C-alpha atoms as a PDB file:
ATOM      1  CA  MET A   1      43.975 126.882 142.959  1.00  0.00           C
ATOM      2  CA  ASN A   2      44.776 130.323 141.210  1.00  0.00           C
ATOM      3  CA  GLY A   3      47.634 130.128 138.986  1.00  0.00           C
ATOM      4  CA  LEU A   4      47.962 126.141 138.896  1.00  0.00           C
ATOM      5  CA  ASN A   5      47.067 124.514 135.909  1.00  0.00           C
ATOM      6  CA  ILE A   6      46.859 120.783 136.322  1.00  0.00           C
ATOM      7  CA  ILE A   7      47.131 118.861 132.799  1.00  0.00           C
ATOM      8  CA  GLN A   8      44.689 116.072 132.524  1.00  0.00           C
ATOM      9  CA  HIS A   9      45.531 114.728 129.343  1.00  0.00           C
ATOM     10  CA  PRO A  10      44.918 110.659 128.949  1.00  0.00           C
ATOM     11  CA  LEU A  11      48.635 109.702 127.957  1.00  0.00           C
ATOM     12  CA  ILE A  12      49.770 112.338 130.759  1.00  0.00           C
ATOM     13  CA  GLN A  13      48.173 110.520 133.599  1.00  0.00           C
ATOM     14  CA  HIS A  14      48.823 107.179 131.709  1.00  0.00           C
ATOM     15  CA  LYS A  15      52.516 107.887 132.007  1.00  0.00           C
ATOM     16  CA  LEU A  16      52.459 109.383 135.502  1.00  0.00           C
ATOM     17  CA  THR A  17      50.856 106.077 136.841  1.00  0.00           C
ATOM     18  CA  LEU A  18      53.761 104.125 135.497  1.00  0.00           C
ATOM     19  CA  LEU A  19      56.119 106.382 136.811  1.00  0.00           C
ATOM     20  CA  ARG A  20      54.599 106.441 140.682  1.00  0.00           C
ATOM     21  CA  ASP A  21      54.786 102.591 140.537  1.00  0.00           C
ATOM     22  CA  LYS A  22      57.743 101.184 142.750  1.00  0.00           C
ATOM     23  CA  LYS A  23      58.253  98.365 140.378  1.00  0.00           C
ATOM     24  CA  THR A  24      59.437 100.510 137.909  1.00  0.00           C
ATOM     25  CA  ASP A  25      63.101 100.467 137.606  1.00  0.00           C
ATOM     26  CA  HIS A  26      65.250 103.443 136.925  1.00  0.00           C
ATOM     27  CA  MET A  27      65.933 102.884 133.303  1.00  0.00           C
ATOM     28  CA  ASP A  28      62.092 103.094 132.716  1.00  0.00           C
ATOM     29  CA  PHE A  29      61.943 105.769 135.363  1.00  0.00           C
ATOM     30  CA  ARG A  30      64.347 107.932 133.177  1.00  0.00           C
ATOM     31  CA  ARG A  31      62.345 106.657 129.780  1.00  0.00           C
ATOM     32  CA  LEU A  32      58.856 107.873 131.356  1.00  0.00           C
ATOM     33  CA  THR A  33      60.391 111.098 132.765  1.00  0.00           C
ATOM     34  CA  LYS A  34      61.388 111.849 129.145  1.00  0.00           C
ATOM     35  CA  GLU A  35      58.176 110.946 127.818  1.00  0.00           C
ATOM     36  CA  LEU A  36      55.706 112.746 130.454  1.00  0.00           C
ATOM     37  CA  THR A  37      57.983 115.942 130.026  1.00  0.00           C
ATOM     38  CA  GLY A  38      57.351 116.029 126.139  1.00  0.00           C
ATOM     39  CA  PHE A  39      53.689 115.633 126.638  1.00  0.00           C
ATOM     40  CA  MET A  40      53.148 118.441 129.180  1.00  0.00           C
ATOM     41  CA  LEU A  41      55.373 120.897 126.934  1.00  0.00           C
ATOM     42  CA  TYR A  42      52.731 120.923 124.433  1.00  0.00           C
ATOM     43  CA  GLU A  43      50.156 122.001 127.113  1.00  0.00           C
ATOM     44  CA  VAL A  44      52.674 124.553 128.515  1.00  0.00           C
ATOM     45  CA  MET A  45      53.495 126.291 125.042  1.00  0.00           C
ATOM     46  CA  LYS A  46      49.571 125.926 123.785  1.00  0.00           C
ATOM     47  CA  ASP A  47      49.244 129.976 124.005  1.00  0.00           C
ATOM     48  CA  TYR A  48      52.823 130.730 122.908  1.00  0.00           C
ATOM     49  CA  PRO A  49      53.155 133.267 120.389  1.00  0.00           C
ATOM     50  CA  LEU A  50      53.821 132.983 116.717  1.00  0.00           C
ATOM     51  CA  GLN A  51      55.629 134.914 114.085  1.00  0.00           C
ATOM     52  CA  GLU A  52      54.797 134.853 110.442  1.00  0.00           C
ATOM     53  CA  ILE A  53      57.178 134.365 108.067  1.00  0.00           C
ATOM     54  CA  GLU A  54      57.908 133.414 104.359  1.00  0.00           C
ATOM     55  CA  ILE A  55      59.220 130.121 103.128  1.00  0.00           C
ATOM     56  CA  GLU A  56      59.494 128.487 100.163  1.00  0.00           C
ATOM     57  CA  THR A  57      58.407 124.848  99.691  1.00  0.00           C
ATOM     58  CA  PRO A  58      59.680 122.587  96.582  1.00  0.00           C
ATOM     59  CA  LEU A  59      56.884 124.027  94.761  1.00  0.00           C
ATOM     60  CA  VAL A  60      55.607 127.407  95.727  1.00  0.00           C
ATOM     61  CA  LYS A  61      56.386 130.383  98.138  1.00  0.00           C
ATOM     62  CA  THR A  62      54.024 129.929 101.358  1.00  0.00           C
ATOM     63  CA  LYS A  63      53.788 132.029 104.505  1.00  0.00           C
ATOM     64  CA  GLY A  64      54.024 129.830 107.682  1.00  0.00           C
ATOM     65  CA  HIS A  65      54.786 130.517 111.362  1.00  0.00           C
ATOM     66  CA  ILE A  66      57.597 129.829 113.739  1.00  0.00           C
ATOM     67  CA  LEU A  67      57.888 130.689 117.345  1.00  0.00           C
ATOM     68  CA  ALA A  68      58.101 134.157 118.226  1.00  0.00           C
ATOM     69  CA  ARG A  69      60.438 134.045 121.092  1.00  0.00           C
ATOM     70  CA  GLU A  70      63.342 131.914 122.438  1.00  0.00           C
ATOM     71  CA  ILE A  71      63.008 129.850 124.944  1.00  0.00           C
ATOM     72  CA  SER A  72      65.590 129.206 127.869  1.00  0.00           C
ATOM     73  CA  LEU A  73      65.093 125.930 130.149  1.00  0.00           C
ATOM     74  CA  VAL A  74      66.310 125.982 133.397  1.00  0.00           C
ATOM     75  CA  LEU A  75      66.632 122.916 135.363  1.00  0.00           C
ATOM     76  CA  ILE A  76      66.741 122.318 139.099  1.00  0.00           C
ATOM     77  CA  LEU A  77      69.568 120.057 139.735  1.00  0.00           C
ATOM     78  CA  ARG A  78      69.684 117.228 140.300  1.00  0.00           C
ATOM     79  CA  ALA A  79      66.174 115.592 139.319  1.00  0.00           C
ATOM     80  CA  GLY A  80      65.598 118.299 136.686  1.00  0.00           C
ATOM     81  CA  LEU A  81      68.291 116.554 134.680  1.00  0.00           C
ATOM     82  CA  GLY A  82      65.774 113.888 134.056  1.00  0.00           C
ATOM     83  CA  MET A  83      63.624 116.407 132.111  1.00  0.00           C
ATOM     84  CA  VAL A  84      66.012 118.161 129.671  1.00  0.00           C
ATOM     85  CA  ASP A  85      65.811 115.393 126.830  1.00  0.00           C
ATOM     86  CA  GLY A  86      61.931 115.482 126.787  1.00  0.00           C
ATOM     87  CA  LEU A  87      62.162 119.226 126.576  1.00  0.00           C
ATOM     88  CA  LEU A  88      64.825 119.685 124.116  1.00  0.00           C
ATOM     89  CA  GLU A  89      63.418 116.926 121.707  1.00  0.00           C
ATOM     90  CA  LEU A  90      60.530 119.517 121.034  1.00  0.00           C
ATOM     91  CA  VAL A  91      62.601 122.951 121.311  1.00  0.00           C
ATOM     92  CA  SER A  92      66.010 121.860 120.256  1.00  0.00           C
ATOM     93  CA  ASN A  93      67.308 125.412 119.973  1.00  0.00           C
ATOM     94  CA  ALA A  94      66.591 126.127 123.610  1.00  0.00           C
ATOM     95  CA  ARG A  95      69.305 127.432 125.751  1.00  0.00           C
ATOM     96  CA  VAL A  96      69.660 125.675 129.129  1.00  0.00           C
ATOM     97  CA  GLY A  97      70.307 126.896 132.557  1.00  0.00           C
ATOM     98  CA  HIS A  98      71.252 125.147 135.845  1.00  0.00           C
ATOM     99  CA  ILE A  99      70.349 125.702 139.371  1.00  0.00           C
ATOM    100  CA  GLY A 100      71.953 123.303 142.086  1.00  0.00           C
ATOM    101  CA  LEU A 101      69.793 123.329 145.253  1.00  0.00           C
ATOM    102  CA  TYR A 102      69.620 120.951 148.041  1.00  0.00           C
ATOM    103  CA  ARG A 103      67.475 120.608 150.835  1.00  0.00           C
ATOM    104  CA  ASP A 104      68.596 120.785 154.554  1.00  0.00           C
ATOM    105  CA  GLU A 105      67.301 117.867 156.331  1.00  0.00           C
ATOM    106  CA  LYS A 106      66.821 119.732 159.433  1.00  0.00           C
ATOM    107  CA  THR A 107      65.355 123.005 158.460  1.00  0.00           C
ATOM    108  CA  LEU A 108      63.904 121.502 155.096  1.00  0.00           C
ATOM    109  CA  LYS A 109      65.116 124.969 153.612  1.00  0.00           C
ATOM    110  CA  PRO A 110      67.286 125.233 149.886  1.00  0.00           C
ATOM    111  CA  VAL A 111      70.617 125.521 150.144  1.00  0.00           C
ATOM    112  CA  GLU A 112      71.953 127.197 146.871  1.00  0.00           C
ATOM    113  CA  TYR A 113      75.527 125.534 145.448  1.00  0.00           C
ATOM    114  CA  TYR A 114      75.618 125.914 141.891  1.00  0.00           C
ATOM    115  CA  VAL A 115      73.916 128.487 139.176  1.00  0.00           C
ATOM    116  CA  LYS A 116      74.783 128.413 135.455  1.00  0.00           C
ATOM    117  CA  LEU A 117      72.079 130.343 133.479  1.00  0.00           C
ATOM    118  CA  PRO A 118      72.092 131.818 129.697  1.00  0.00           C
ATOM    119  CA  THR A 119      73.392 135.123 129.332  1.00  0.00           C
ATOM    120  CA  ASN A 120      70.210 136.293 127.312  1.00  0.00           C
ATOM    121  CA  LEU A 121      67.739 135.390 130.061  1.00  0.00           C
ATOM    122  CA  PRO A 122      65.700 138.635 129.720  1.00  0.00           C
ATOM    123  CA  GLU A 123      65.147 138.323 126.219  1.00  0.00           C
ATOM    124  CA  THR A 124      63.715 134.835 126.324  1.00  0.00           C
ATOM    125  CA  ASP A 125      60.744 133.013 127.903  1.00  0.00           C
ATOM    126  CA  VAL A 126      61.754 130.832 130.621  1.00  0.00           C
ATOM    127  CA  ILE A 127      60.678 127.450 131.748  1.00  0.00           C
ATOM    128  CA  ILE A 128      61.587 126.123 135.167  1.00  0.00           C
ATOM    129  CA  ALA A 129      61.681 122.286 135.282  1.00  0.00           C
ATOM    130  CA  ASP A 130      61.715 119.993 138.436  1.00  0.00           C
ATOM    131  CA  PRO A 131      60.238 116.642 138.626  1.00  0.00           C
ATOM    132  CA  MET A 132      58.510 117.560 142.186  1.00  0.00           C
ATOM    133  CA  LEU A 133      57.398 120.655 143.819  1.00  0.00           C
ATOM    134  CA  ALA A 134      57.265 119.415 147.477  1.00  0.00           C
ATOM    135  CA  THR A 135      58.029 122.111 150.084  1.00  0.00           C
ATOM    136  CA  GLY A 136      58.251 124.952 147.558  1.00  0.00           C
ATOM    137  CA  GLY A 137      61.531 126.061 148.815  1.00  0.00           C
ATOM    138  CA  SER A 138      63.562 125.229 146.022  1.00  0.00           C
ATOM    139  CA  GLY A 139      61.087 126.056 143.573  1.00  0.00           C
ATOM    140  CA  ALA A 140      60.806 129.567 145.039  1.00  0.00           C
ATOM    141  CA  LYS A 141      64.174 130.030 145.431  1.00  0.00           C
ATOM    142  CA  ALA A 142      64.979 129.229 141.585  1.00  0.00           C
ATOM    143  CA  VAL A 143      62.267 131.550 140.591  1.00  0.00           C
ATOM    144  CA  THR A 144      63.818 134.264 142.793  1.00  0.00           C
ATOM    145  CA  LEU A 145      67.399 133.716 141.073  1.00  0.00           C
ATOM    146  CA  VAL A 146      66.062 133.609 137.700  1.00  0.00           C
ATOM    147  CA  LYS A 147      64.238 136.959 138.250  1.00  0.00           C
ATOM    148  CA  LYS A 148      67.403 138.255 139.666  1.00  0.00           C
ATOM    149  CA  ALA A 149      69.081 137.338 136.367  1.00  0.00           C
ATOM    150  CA  GLY A 150      66.517 139.599 134.505  1.00  0.00           C
ATOM    151  CA  ALA A 151      63.706 136.668 133.262  1.00  0.00           C
ATOM    152  CA  LYS A 152      60.308 138.484 133.061  1.00  0.00           C
ATOM    153  CA  ASP A 153      58.100 135.825 131.608  1.00  0.00           C
ATOM    154  CA  ILE A 154      58.669 132.571 133.459  1.00  0.00           C
ATOM    155  CA  LYS A 155      56.741 129.095 134.078  1.00  0.00           C
ATOM    156  CA  PHE A 156      57.073 126.517 136.346  1.00  0.00           C
ATOM    157  CA  VAL A 157      56.712 122.816 135.306  1.00  0.00           C
ATOM    158  CA  CYS A 158      57.017 119.541 137.748  1.00  0.00           C
ATOM    159  CA  MET A 159      55.381 116.355 137.284  1.00  0.00           C
ATOM    160  CA  VAL A 160      53.687 116.367 140.813  1.00  0.00           C
ATOM    161  CA  ALA A 161      52.854 118.861 143.388  1.00  0.00           C
ATOM    162  CA  ALA A 162      52.005 119.118 146.956  1.00  0.00           C
ATOM    163  CA  PRO A 163      49.579 121.797 148.047  1.00  0.00           C
ATOM    164  CA  GLU A 164      52.059 123.072 150.471  1.00  0.00           C
ATOM    165  CA  GLY A 165      54.631 123.652 147.941  1.00  0.00           C
ATOM    166  CA  VAL A 166      52.158 125.321 145.488  1.00  0.00           C
ATOM    167  CA  GLN A 167      51.235 127.717 148.118  1.00  0.00           C
ATOM    168  CA  VAL A 168      54.733 128.515 149.167  1.00  0.00           C
ATOM    169  CA  LEU A 169      55.555 128.888 145.321  1.00  0.00           C
ATOM    170  CA  ARG A 170      52.396 131.060 144.728  1.00  0.00           C
ATOM    171  CA  ARG A 171      52.875 133.364 147.723  1.00  0.00           C
ATOM    172  CA  ALA A 172      56.546 134.066 146.775  1.00  0.00           C
ATOM    173  CA  HIS A 173      55.980 134.748 142.980  1.00  0.00           C
ATOM    174  CA  PRO A 174      52.274 134.983 142.295  1.00  0.00           C
ATOM    175  CA  ASP A 175      52.976 136.148 138.623  1.00  0.00           C
ATOM    176  CA  VAL A 176      54.349 132.519 137.677  1.00  0.00           C
ATOM    177  CA  PRO A 177      52.128 130.033 136.618  1.00  0.00           C
ATOM    178  CA  ILE A 178      52.704 126.336 137.852  1.00  0.00           C
ATOM    179  CA  TYR A 179      52.149 123.523 135.489  1.00  0.00           C
ATOM    180  CA  THR A 180      51.813 120.003 136.661  1.00  0.00           C
ATOM    181  CA  ALA A 181      50.217 116.516 135.847  1.00  0.00           C
ATOM    182  CA  ALA A 182      49.144 115.845 139.638  1.00  0.00           C
ATOM    183  CA  LEU A 183      48.225 117.918 142.990  1.00  0.00           C
ATOM    184  CA  ASP A 184      49.047 115.302 145.349  1.00  0.00           C
ATOM    185  CA  ASP A 185      47.511 115.114 149.102  1.00  0.00           C
ATOM    186  CA  GLN A 186      50.159 116.357 151.458  1.00  0.00           C
ATOM    187  CA  LEU A 187      53.714 116.230 152.565  1.00  0.00           C
ATOM    188  CA  ASN A 188      55.025 113.605 155.095  1.00  0.00           C
ATOM    189  CA  ASP A 189      57.331 114.432 158.141  1.00  0.00           C
ATOM    190  CA  HIS A 190      60.457 114.512 156.205  1.00  0.00           C
ATOM    191  CA  GLY A 191      59.093 116.788 153.251  1.00  0.00           C
ATOM    192  CA  TYR A 192      58.319 114.146 150.849  1.00  0.00           C
ATOM    193  CA  ILE A 193      55.238 114.370 148.645  1.00  0.00           C
ATOM    194  CA  LEU A 194      52.390 111.787 149.157  1.00  0.00           C
ATOM    195  CA  PRO A 195      51.711 109.589 147.318  1.00  0.00           C
ATOM    196  CA  GLY A 196      54.514 111.345 145.030  1.00  0.00           C
ATOM    197  CA  LEU A 197      56.981 109.177 143.096  1.00  0.00           C
ATOM    198  CA  GLY A 198      59.570 108.606 146.139  1.00  0.00           C
ATOM    199  CA  ASP A 199      63.025 110.351 145.598  1.00  0.00           C
ATOM    200  CA  ALA A 200      63.066 111.276 141.730  1.00  0.00           C
ATOM    201  CA  GLY A 201      66.563 111.981 141.542  1.00  0.00           C
ATOM    202  CA  ASP A 202      67.652 108.278 142.815  1.00  0.00           C
ATOM    203  CA  ARG A 203      64.885 106.777 140.734  1.00  0.00           C
ATOM    204  CA  LEU A 204      66.093 108.709 137.593  1.00  0.00           C
ATOM    205  CA  PHE A 205      69.815 107.722 138.254  1.00  0.00           C
ATOM    206  CA  GLY A 206      69.452 104.230 140.118  1.00  0.00           C
ATOM    207  CA  THR A 207      71.544 105.686 143.148  1.00  0.00           C
ATOM    208  CA  LYS A 208      69.359 103.717 145.748  1.00  0.00           C
END
């Protein structure tokens, strides 16, 4: 599927399998989410531009490379909060934005209730993070909101995706690549991904 990047690294697939297991409690689910997010970010940033600079080691002057552009992380609440530590451990100077969306249980459409984004969003590369891309409504809405704030270079990162959600996001924003650890089978009648993770927010925070 054009624009969809499925990351097949053995460590990512190993962590994802443990994450899926219903026997995994909220403490381990939280830890695995952080670890899996960090591993995925390596792949997401493999073609990231670098800037050459000169530094001085304890012995001599030398040239090296640093990231050429600042990164903004935009989390879709509430489950996206589980991914922030894995992202910030690798890109500690990133600015973090939050988009609060919930899904109307009858229409399955996203309802916006909170948006707080970095003020310099247009000058940064943006990574939108949510553990699951299910119906695609929330993902597409989040991309629309960051574009409205001026973002131009945007990537969407999730741990599992449904084909329906990928199609919705790609149709709405064909310029935004999707990175995921798995393309799952389908959505059920309630809009949950099969086999999926269950309710990632409840599993992260132990609320069910």
